[in-house]
Structures are given as structure tokens and as C-alpha cells.
């Protein structure tokens, strides 16, 4: 229950931290290929904001899983902002 209350996406100058229920992922900005809002298939596997890495792997941010109480666009602005941060970090 404690981990569920601490679900988060944290952006730092050097990396993106995705804190899910069972695991925390730390991904350097340079390893991120894209960040996208949740898919329309609902709160299932890979149902949150999708962080795609340049090596082809991906992870889902559980804090932003599409659910029955969320609008369709609830995470679009977050995903867009994170994508812009990743692009700026890649330019450095």
C-alpha cells in the first residue's frame, strides 16, 4: 500500500525517474527515444505514459494509467512536457 501512494514520475536535470508499484526505473535522458500518453486500451499492461528507450525497450509509468475516473487527455500534457524535456536534454 505504501508504494501505491508513492507512484510518481520525477524529472531531474540528468534523468527521468519512474516510480511504479514494484520497481523504480531511472533512465538517463540520453537513453529516451520518445515519451507518449497512455494508449486507448485501458489500465492494463503498459497502460500508463510510455517511455520508449533508444534500445527498443519501453516502460509504463503506473502513476498515469488510464482509468475510469480520468479524462482521455489527462496525461497528454505531462507526456508532451516530458518529451520536450527529453529533447532539450538531448541537445546538451
PDB file of N, CA and C in Angstrom:
ATOM      1  N   UNK A   1       0.819  -1.188   0.000  1.00  0.00           N
ATOM      2  CA  UNK A   1       0.000   0.000   0.000  1.00  0.00           C
ATOM      3  C   UNK A   1       0.872   1.264   0.000  1.00  0.00           C
ATOM      4  N   UNK A   2       1.973   1.213   0.693  1.00  0.00           N
ATOM      5  CA  UNK A   2       2.882   2.355   0.763  1.00  0.00           C
ATOM      6  C   UNK A   2       3.392   2.729  -0.628  1.00  0.00           C
ATOM      7  N   UNK A   3       3.798   1.745  -1.417  1.00  0.00           N
ATOM      8  CA  UNK A   3       4.325   2.025  -2.759  1.00  0.00           C
ATOM      9  C   UNK A   3       3.241   2.603  -3.667  1.00  0.00           C
ATOM     10  N   UNK A   4       2.015   2.161  -3.513  1.00  0.00           N
ATOM     11  CA  UNK A   4       0.938   2.682  -4.352  1.00  0.00           C
ATOM     12  C   UNK A   4       0.737   4.175  -4.108  1.00  0.00           C
ATOM     13  N   UNK A   5       0.925   4.618  -2.885  1.00  0.00           N
ATOM     14  CA  UNK A   5       0.778   6.036  -2.561  1.00  0.00           C
ATOM     15  C   UNK A   5       1.955   6.861  -3.073  1.00  0.00           C
ATOM     16  N   UNK A   6       3.056   6.215  -3.430  1.00  0.00           N
ATOM     17  CA  UNK A   6       4.255   6.932  -3.868  1.00  0.00           C
ATOM     18  C   UNK A   6       4.510   6.808  -5.374  1.00  0.00           C
ATOM     19  N   UNK A   7       3.535   6.387  -6.153  1.00  0.00           N
ATOM     20  CA  UNK A   7       3.696   6.329  -7.603  1.00  0.00           C
ATOM     21  C   UNK A   7       4.024   7.718  -8.122  1.00  0.00           C
ATOM     22  N   UNK A   8       5.005   7.804  -9.018  1.00  0.00           N
ATOM     23  CA  UNK A   8       5.406   9.135  -9.496  1.00  0.00           C
ATOM     24  C   UNK A   8       6.277   9.051 -10.731  1.00  0.00           C
ATOM     25  N   UNK A   9       6.354  10.197 -11.407  1.00  0.00           N
ATOM     26  CA  UNK A   9       7.362  10.445 -12.435  1.00  0.00           C
ATOM     27  C   UNK A   9       8.117  11.673 -11.950  1.00  0.00           C
ATOM     28  N   UNK A  10       9.424  11.555 -11.836  1.00  0.00           N
ATOM     29  CA  UNK A  10      10.247  12.659 -11.351  1.00  0.00           C
ATOM     30  C   UNK A  10      11.282  12.981 -12.429  1.00  0.00           C
ATOM     31  N   UNK A  11      11.289  14.238 -12.862  1.00  0.00           N
ATOM     32  CA  UNK A  11      12.251  14.683 -13.865  1.00  0.00           C
ATOM     33  C   UNK A  11      13.364  15.461 -13.173  1.00  0.00           C
ATOM     34  N   UNK A  12      14.598  15.027 -13.381  1.00  0.00           N
ATOM     35  CA  UNK A  12      15.761  15.732 -12.859  1.00  0.00           C
ATOM     36  C   UNK A  12      16.565  16.241 -14.060  1.00  0.00           C
ATOM     37  N   UNK A  13      17.564  17.074 -13.839  1.00  0.00           N
ATOM     38  CA  UNK A  13      18.368  17.538 -14.978  1.00  0.00           C
ATOM     39  C   UNK A  13      19.074  16.403 -15.738  1.00  0.00           C
ATOM     40  N   UNK A  14      19.371  15.293 -15.049  1.00  0.00           N
ATOM     41  CA  UNK A  14      20.142  14.211 -15.668  1.00  0.00           C
ATOM     42  C   UNK A  14      19.327  13.006 -16.110  1.00  0.00           C
ATOM     43  N   UNK A  15      18.192  12.770 -15.487  1.00  0.00           N
ATOM     44  CA  UNK A  15      17.439  11.557 -15.802  1.00  0.00           C
ATOM     45  C   UNK A  15      15.966  11.686 -15.428  1.00  0.00           C
ATOM     46  N   UNK A  16      15.217  10.692 -15.853  1.00  0.00           N
ATOM     47  CA  UNK A  16      13.804  10.567 -15.542  1.00  0.00           C
ATOM     48  C   UNK A  16      13.659   9.384 -14.591  1.00  0.00           C
ATOM     49  N   UNK A  17      12.942   9.585 -13.504  1.00  0.00           N
ATOM     50  CA  UNK A  17      12.698   8.512 -12.541  1.00  0.00           C
ATOM     51  C   UNK A  17      11.224   8.143 -12.632  1.00  0.00           C
ATOM     52  N   UNK A  18      10.945   6.861 -12.863  1.00  0.00           N
ATOM     53  CA  UNK A  18       9.576   6.362 -12.904  1.00  0.00           C
ATOM     54  C   UNK A  18       9.416   5.401 -11.727  1.00  0.00           C
ATOM     55  N   UNK A  19       8.622   5.821 -10.752  1.00  0.00           N
ATOM     56  CA  UNK A  19       8.411   5.006  -9.551  1.00  0.00           C
ATOM     57  C   UNK A  19       7.073   4.290  -9.693  1.00  0.00           C
ATOM     58  N   UNK A  20       7.135   2.982  -9.967  1.00  0.00           N
ATOM     59  CA  UNK A  20       5.948   2.144 -10.099  1.00  0.00           C
ATOM     60  C   UNK A  20       5.714   1.353  -8.814  1.00  0.00           C
ATOM     61  N   UNK A  21       4.726   0.497  -8.818  1.00  0.00           N
ATOM     62  CA  UNK A  21       4.370  -0.256  -7.604  1.00  0.00           C
ATOM     63  C   UNK A  21       5.507  -1.167  -7.139  1.00  0.00           C
ATOM     64  N   UNK A  22       6.082  -1.923  -8.050  1.00  0.00           N
ATOM     65  CA  UNK A  22       7.078  -2.906  -7.654  1.00  0.00           C
ATOM     66  C   UNK A  22       8.517  -2.497  -7.927  1.00  0.00           C
ATOM     67  N   UNK A  23       8.715  -1.485  -8.762  1.00  0.00           N
ATOM     68  CA  UNK A  23      10.083  -1.144  -9.149  1.00  0.00           C
ATOM     69  C   UNK A  23      10.203   0.333  -9.493  1.00  0.00           C
ATOM     70  N   UNK A  24      11.375   0.872  -9.238  1.00  0.00           N
ATOM     71  CA  UNK A  24      11.688   2.240  -9.642  1.00  0.00           C
ATOM     72  C   UNK A  24      12.713   2.178 -10.768  1.00  0.00           C
ATOM     73  N   UNK A  25      12.427   2.879 -11.858  1.00  0.00           N
ATOM     74  CA  UNK A  25      13.311   2.916 -13.021  1.00  0.00           C
ATOM     75  C   UNK A  25      13.942   4.295 -13.101  1.00  0.00           C
ATOM     76  N   UNK A  26      15.244   4.343 -13.296  1.00  0.00           N
ATOM     77  CA  UNK A  26      15.958   5.593 -13.517  1.00  0.00           C
ATOM     78  C   UNK A  26      16.544   5.532 -14.921  1.00  0.00           C
ATOM     79  N   UNK A  27      16.090   6.431 -15.791  1.00  0.00           N
ATOM     80  CA  UNK A  27      16.501   6.409 -17.194  1.00  0.00           C
ATOM     81  C   UNK A  27      17.174   7.738 -17.534  1.00  0.00           C
ATOM     82  N   UNK A  28      18.456   7.717 -17.913  1.00  0.00           N
ATOM     83  CA  UNK A  28      19.110   8.954 -18.349  1.00  0.00           C
ATOM     84  C   UNK A  28      18.391   9.535 -19.567  1.00  0.00           C
ATOM     85  N   UNK A  29      18.309  10.858 -19.647  1.00  0.00           N
ATOM     86  CA  UNK A  29      17.619  11.496 -20.766  1.00  0.00           C
ATOM     87  C   UNK A  29      18.159  11.037 -22.114  1.00  0.00           C
ATOM     88  N   UNK A  30      19.456  10.803 -22.196  1.00  0.00           N
ATOM     89  CA  UNK A  30      20.063  10.392 -23.459  1.00  0.00           C
ATOM     90  C   UNK A  30      19.634   9.020 -23.943  1.00  0.00           C
ATOM     91  N   UNK A  31      19.021   8.217 -23.082  1.00  0.00           N
ATOM     92  CA  UNK A  31      18.554   6.888 -23.465  1.00  0.00           C
ATOM     93  C   UNK A  31      17.080   6.867 -23.858  1.00  0.00           C
ATOM     94  N   UNK A  32      16.408   8.015 -23.808  1.00  0.00           N
ATOM     95  CA  UNK A  32      14.980   8.076 -24.106  1.00  0.00           C
ATOM     96  C   UNK A  32      14.759   8.445 -25.572  1.00  0.00           C
ATOM     97  N   UNK A  33      14.029   7.588 -26.283  1.00  0.00           N
ATOM     98  CA  UNK A  33      13.693   7.851 -27.683  1.00  0.00           C
ATOM     99  C   UNK A  33      12.421   8.670 -27.794  1.00  0.00           C
ATOM    100  N   UNK A  34      11.409   8.340 -26.976  1.00  0.00           N
ATOM    101  CA  UNK A  34      10.150   9.087 -27.012  1.00  0.00           C
ATOM    102  C   UNK A  34       9.358   8.849 -25.739  1.00  0.00           C
ATOM    103  N   UNK A  35       8.421   9.748 -25.498  1.00  0.00           N
ATOM    104  CA  UNK A  35       7.506   9.640 -24.365  1.00  0.00           C
ATOM    105  C   UNK A  35       6.114   9.904 -24.923  1.00  0.00           C
ATOM    106  N   UNK A  36       5.178   8.991 -24.656  1.00  0.00           N
ATOM    107  CA  UNK A  36       3.836   9.094 -25.229  1.00  0.00           C
ATOM    108  C   UNK A  36       2.766   8.924 -24.161  1.00  0.00           C
ATOM    109  N   UNK A  37       1.594   9.532 -24.373  1.00  0.00           N
ATOM    110  CA  UNK A  37       0.497   9.359 -23.427  1.00  0.00           C
ATOM    111  C   UNK A  37      -0.014   7.921 -23.440  1.00  0.00           C
ATOM    112  N   UNK A  38      -0.838   7.560 -22.455  1.00  0.00           N
ATOM    113  CA  UNK A  38      -1.363   6.193 -22.388  1.00  0.00           C
ATOM    114  C   UNK A  38      -2.113   5.806 -23.656  1.00  0.00           C
ATOM    115  N   UNK A  39      -2.031   4.535 -23.992  1.00  0.00           N
ATOM    116  CA  UNK A  39      -2.767   4.004 -25.137  1.00  0.00           C
ATOM    117  C   UNK A  39      -4.246   3.907 -24.771  1.00  0.00           C
ATOM    118  N   UNK A  40      -5.088   3.740 -25.743  1.00  0.00           N
ATOM    119  CA  UNK A  40      -6.531   3.726 -25.508  1.00  0.00           C
ATOM    120  C   UNK A  40      -7.067   2.388 -25.017  1.00  0.00           C
ATOM    121  N   UNK A  41      -6.196   1.387 -24.841  1.00  0.00           N
ATOM    122  CA  UNK A  41      -6.723   0.080 -24.453  1.00  0.00           C
ATOM    123  C   UNK A  41      -6.926  -0.076 -22.965  1.00  0.00           C
ATOM    124  N   UNK A  42      -6.756   0.957 -22.172  1.00  0.00           N
ATOM    125  CA  UNK A  42      -7.139   0.926 -20.770  1.00  0.00           C
ATOM    126  C   UNK A  42      -6.024   0.618 -19.807  1.00  0.00           C
ATOM    127  N   UNK A  43      -6.422   0.437 -18.563  1.00  0.00           N
ATOM    128  CA  UNK A  43      -5.483   0.257 -17.455  1.00  0.00           C
ATOM    129  C   UNK A  43      -4.991  -1.179 -17.380  1.00  0.00           C
ATOM    130  N   UNK A  44      -4.299  -1.595 -18.407  1.00  0.00           N
ATOM    131  CA  UNK A  44      -3.733  -2.941 -18.431  1.00  0.00           C
ATOM    132  C   UNK A  44      -2.226  -2.811 -18.576  1.00  0.00           C
ATOM    133  N   UNK A  45      -1.577  -3.900 -18.871  1.00  0.00           N
ATOM    134  CA  UNK A  45      -0.123  -3.904 -19.035  1.00  0.00           C
ATOM    135  C   UNK A  45       0.312  -2.808 -20.009  1.00  0.00           C
ATOM    136  N   UNK A  46       1.334  -2.057 -19.629  1.00  0.00           N
ATOM    137  CA  UNK A  46       1.850  -0.931 -20.422  1.00  0.00           C
ATOM    138  C   UNK A  46       0.748   0.090 -20.694  1.00  0.00           C
ATOM    139  N   UNK A  47      -0.110   0.349 -19.707  1.00  0.00           N
ATOM    140  CA  UNK A  47      -1.239   1.239 -19.894  1.00  0.00           C
ATOM    141  C   UNK A  47      -0.995   2.669 -19.478  1.00  0.00           C
ATOM    142  N   UNK A  48       0.163   3.001 -18.900  1.00  0.00           N
ATOM    143  CA  UNK A  48       0.432   4.376 -18.467  1.00  0.00           C
ATOM    144  C   UNK A  48       1.211   5.141 -19.514  1.00  0.00           C
ATOM    145  N   UNK A  49       1.764   6.283 -19.114  1.00  0.00           N
ATOM    146  CA  UNK A  49       2.628   7.038 -20.019  1.00  0.00           C
ATOM    147  C   UNK A  49       3.773   6.112 -20.418  1.00  0.00           C
ATOM    148  N   UNK A  50       4.022   6.005 -21.707  1.00  0.00           N
ATOM    149  CA  UNK A  50       5.025   5.078 -22.234  1.00  0.00           C
ATOM    150  C   UNK A  50       6.341   5.810 -22.476  1.00  0.00           C
ATOM    151  N   UNK A  51       7.396   5.309 -21.853  1.00  0.00           N
ATOM    152  CA  UNK A  51       8.748   5.822 -22.067  1.00  0.00           C
ATOM    153  C   UNK A  51       9.467   4.791 -22.926  1.00  0.00           C
ATOM    154  N   UNK A  52       9.753   5.161 -24.179  1.00  0.00           N
ATOM    155  CA  UNK A  52      10.457   4.260 -25.098  1.00  0.00           C
ATOM    156  C   UNK A  52      11.933   4.625 -25.095  1.00  0.00           C
ATOM    157  N   UNK A  53      12.770   3.610 -24.960  1.00  0.00           N
ATOM    158  CA  UNK A  53      14.224   3.829 -24.941  1.00  0.00           C
ATOM    159  C   UNK A  53      14.819   3.612 -26.319  1.00  0.00           C
ATOM    160  N   UNK A  54      16.002   4.160 -26.529  1.00  0.00           N
ATOM    161  CA  UNK A  54      16.648   4.023 -27.836  1.00  0.00           C
ATOM    162  C   UNK A  54      17.055   2.587 -28.132  1.00  0.00           C
ATOM    163  N   UNK A  55      17.152   1.738 -27.092  1.00  0.00           N
ATOM    164  CA  UNK A  55      17.495   0.332 -27.327  1.00  0.00           C
ATOM    165  C   UNK A  55      16.271  -0.505 -27.713  1.00  0.00           C
ATOM    166  N   UNK A  56      15.097   0.126 -27.828  1.00  0.00           N
ATOM    167  CA  UNK A  56      13.879  -0.573 -28.234  1.00  0.00           C
ATOM    168  C   UNK A  56      12.998  -1.021 -27.078  1.00  0.00           C
ATOM    169  N   UNK A  57      13.506  -0.982 -25.866  1.00  0.00           N
ATOM    170  CA  UNK A  57      12.688  -1.374 -24.715  1.00  0.00           C
ATOM    171  C   UNK A  57      11.793  -0.208 -24.305  1.00  0.00           C
ATOM    172  N   UNK A  58      10.797  -0.498 -23.494  1.00  0.00           N
ATOM    173  CA  UNK A  58       9.908   0.564 -23.020  1.00  0.00           C
ATOM    174  C   UNK A  58       9.431   0.243 -21.613  1.00  0.00           C
ATOM    175  N   UNK A  59       8.926   1.266 -20.951  1.00  0.00           N
ATOM    176  CA  UNK A  59       8.332   1.068 -19.640  1.00  0.00           C
ATOM    177  C   UNK A  59       7.123   1.973 -19.534  1.00  0.00           C
ATOM    178  N   UNK A  60       6.232   1.608 -18.644  1.00  0.00           N
ATOM    179  CA  UNK A  60       5.000   2.351 -18.456  1.00  0.00           C
ATOM    180  C   UNK A  60       4.993   2.977 -17.074  1.00  0.00           C
ATOM    181  N   UNK A  61       4.605   4.243 -16.991  1.00  0.00           N
ATOM    182  CA  UNK A  61       4.520   4.940 -15.708  1.00  0.00           C
ATOM    183  C   UNK A  61       3.139   4.689 -15.108  1.00  0.00           C
ATOM    184  N   UNK A  62       3.091   3.839 -14.104  1.00  0.00           N
ATOM    185  CA  UNK A  62       1.832   3.440 -13.488  1.00  0.00           C
ATOM    186  C   UNK A  62       1.076   4.616 -12.897  1.00  0.00           C
ATOM    187  N   UNK A  63       1.768   5.666 -12.502  1.00  0.00           N
ATOM    188  CA  UNK A  63       1.104   6.839 -11.923  1.00  0.00           C
ATOM    189  C   UNK A  63       0.131   7.482 -12.907  1.00  0.00           C
ATOM    190  N   UNK A  64       0.310   7.234 -14.180  1.00  0.00           N
ATOM    191  CA  UNK A  64      -0.547   7.835 -15.197  1.00  0.00           C
ATOM    192  C   UNK A  64      -1.305   6.796 -16.009  1.00  0.00           C
ATOM    193  N   UNK A  65      -1.728   5.724 -15.381  1.00  0.00           N
ATOM    194  CA  UNK A  65      -2.524   4.710 -16.067  1.00  0.00           C
ATOM    195  C   UNK A  65      -3.915   5.270 -16.308  1.00  0.00           C
ATOM    196  N   UNK A  66      -4.427   5.046 -17.500  1.00  0.00           N
ATOM    197  CA  UNK A  66      -5.780   5.488 -17.848  1.00  0.00           C
ATOM    198  C   UNK A  66      -6.768   4.686 -17.001  1.00  0.00           C
ATOM    199  N   UNK A  67      -7.690   5.374 -16.382  1.00  0.00           N
ATOM    200  CA  UNK A  67      -8.666   4.702 -15.533  1.00  0.00           C
ATOM    201  C   UNK A  67     -10.057   5.261 -15.718  1.00  0.00           C
ATOM    202  N   UNK A  68     -11.036   4.703 -15.016  1.00  0.00           N
ATOM    203  CA  UNK A  68     -12.427   5.115 -15.210  1.00  0.00           C
ATOM    204  C   UNK A  68     -12.717   6.549 -14.758  1.00  0.00           C
ATOM    205  N   UNK A  69     -11.889   7.121 -13.897  1.00  0.00           N
ATOM    206  CA  UNK A  69     -12.129   8.464 -13.390  1.00  0.00           C
ATOM    207  C   UNK A  69     -11.268   9.521 -14.081  1.00  0.00           C
ATOM    208  N   UNK A  70     -10.530   9.137 -15.100  1.00  0.00           N
ATOM    209  CA  UNK A  70      -9.639  10.061 -15.808  1.00  0.00           C
ATOM    210  C   UNK A  70     -10.198  10.390 -17.184  1.00  0.00           C
ATOM    211  N   UNK A  71     -10.035  11.649 -17.606  1.00  0.00           N
ATOM    212  CA  UNK A  71     -10.415  12.024 -18.966  1.00  0.00           C
ATOM    213  C   UNK A  71      -9.432  11.393 -19.946  1.00  0.00           C
ATOM    214  N   UNK A  72      -9.841  11.316 -21.201  1.00  0.00           N
ATOM    215  CA  UNK A  72      -8.968  10.745 -22.224  1.00  0.00           C
ATOM    216  C   UNK A  72      -7.644  11.480 -22.344  1.00  0.00           C
ATOM    217  N   UNK A  73      -7.644  12.786 -22.096  1.00  0.00           N
ATOM    218  CA  UNK A  73      -6.431  13.577 -22.299  1.00  0.00           C
ATOM    219  C   UNK A  73      -5.697  13.894 -21.003  1.00  0.00           C
ATOM    220  N   UNK A  74      -5.970  13.171 -19.925  1.00  0.00           N
ATOM    221  CA  UNK A  74      -5.417  13.531 -18.610  1.00  0.00           C
ATOM    222  C   UNK A  74      -3.902  13.543 -18.573  1.00  0.00           C
ATOM    223  N   UNK A  75      -3.246  12.727 -19.336  1.00  0.00           N
ATOM    224  CA  UNK A  75      -1.792  12.647 -19.266  1.00  0.00           C
ATOM    225  C   UNK A  75      -1.094  13.218 -20.495  1.00  0.00           C
ATOM    226  N   UNK A  76      -1.845  13.745 -21.442  1.00  0.00           N
ATOM    227  CA  UNK A  76      -1.246  14.248 -22.678  1.00  0.00           C
ATOM    228  C   UNK A  76      -0.277  15.388 -22.394  1.00  0.00           C
ATOM    229  N   UNK A  77      -0.674  16.351 -21.562  1.00  0.00           N
ATOM    230  CA  UNK A  77       0.219  17.478 -21.285  1.00  0.00           C
ATOM    231  C   UNK A  77       1.471  17.033 -20.540  1.00  0.00           C
ATOM    232  N   UNK A  78       1.336  16.068 -19.638  1.00  0.00           N
ATOM    233  CA  UNK A  78       2.505  15.549 -18.916  1.00  0.00           C
ATOM    234  C   UNK A  78       3.459  14.874 -19.896  1.00  0.00           C
ATOM    235  N   UNK A  79       2.927  14.022 -20.764  1.00  0.00           N
ATOM    236  CA  UNK A  79       3.765  13.334 -21.754  1.00  0.00           C
ATOM    237  C   UNK A  79       4.435  14.338 -22.685  1.00  0.00           C
ATOM    238  N   UNK A  80       3.692  15.360 -23.114  1.00  0.00           N
ATOM    239  CA  UNK A  80       4.271  16.382 -24.004  1.00  0.00           C
ATOM    240  C   UNK A  80       5.388  17.152 -23.307  1.00  0.00           C
ATOM    241  N   UNK A  81       5.159  17.544 -22.056  1.00  0.00           N
ATOM    242  CA  UNK A  81       6.196  18.261 -21.306  1.00  0.00           C
ATOM    243  C   UNK A  81       7.445  17.411 -21.115  1.00  0.00           C
ATOM    244  N   UNK A  82       7.261  16.146 -20.791  1.00  0.00           N
ATOM    245  CA  UNK A  82       8.415  15.245 -20.615  1.00  0.00           C
ATOM    246  C   UNK A  82       9.151  15.044 -21.934  1.00  0.00           C
ATOM    247  N   UNK A  83       8.405  14.943 -23.044  1.00  0.00           N
ATOM    248  CA  UNK A  83       9.033  14.788 -24.358  1.00  0.00           C
ATOM    249  C   UNK A  83       9.878  16.014 -24.684  1.00  0.00           C
ATOM    250  N   UNK A  84       9.382  17.203 -24.355  1.00  0.00           N
ATOM    251  CA  UNK A  84      10.149  18.425 -24.582  1.00  0.00           C
ATOM    252  C   UNK A  84      11.410  18.456 -23.718  1.00  0.00           C
ATOM    253  N   UNK A  85      11.297  18.008 -22.477  1.00  0.00           N
ATOM    254  CA  UNK A  85      12.475  17.953 -21.599  1.00  0.00           C
ATOM    255  C   UNK A  85      13.509  16.984 -22.155  1.00  0.00           C
ATOM    256  N   UNK A  86      13.056  15.842 -22.665  1.00  0.00           N
ATOM    257  CA  UNK A  86      13.976  14.857 -23.234  1.00  0.00           C
ATOM    258  C   UNK A  86      14.677  15.436 -24.454  1.00  0.00           C
ATOM    259  N   UNK A  87      13.947  16.178 -25.282  1.00  0.00           N
ATOM    260  CA  UNK A  87      14.535  16.791 -26.484  1.00  0.00           C
ATOM    261  C   UNK A  87      15.578  17.836 -26.104  1.00  0.00           C
ATOM    262  N   UNK A  88      15.281  18.655 -25.096  1.00  0.00           N
ATOM    263  CA  UNK A  88      16.255  19.655 -24.643  1.00  0.00           C
ATOM    264  C   UNK A  88      17.504  18.988 -24.072  1.00  0.00           C
ATOM    265  N   UNK A  89      17.308  17.913 -23.317  1.00  0.00           N
ATOM    266  CA  UNK A  89      18.454  17.204 -22.731  1.00  0.00           C
ATOM    267  C   UNK A  89      19.314  16.580 -23.822  1.00  0.00           C
ATOM    268  N   UNK A  90      18.688  16.115 -24.897  1.00  0.00           N
ATOM    269  CA  UNK A  90      19.442  15.510 -25.998  1.00  0.00           C
ATOM    270  C   UNK A  90      20.294  16.544 -26.732  1.00  0.00           C
ATOM    271  N   UNK A  91      19.863  17.802 -26.702  1.00  0.00           N
ATOM    272  CA  UNK A  91      20.624  18.860 -27.365  1.00  0.00           C
ATOM    273  C   UNK A  91      21.854  19.266 -26.593  1.00  0.00           C
ATOM    274  N   UNK A  92      21.897  18.943 -25.294  1.00  0.00           N
ATOM    275  CA  UNK A  92      23.062  19.316 -24.468  1.00  0.00           C
ATOM    276  C   UNK A  92      24.261  18.476 -24.773  1.00  0.00           C
TER     277      UNK A  92
END
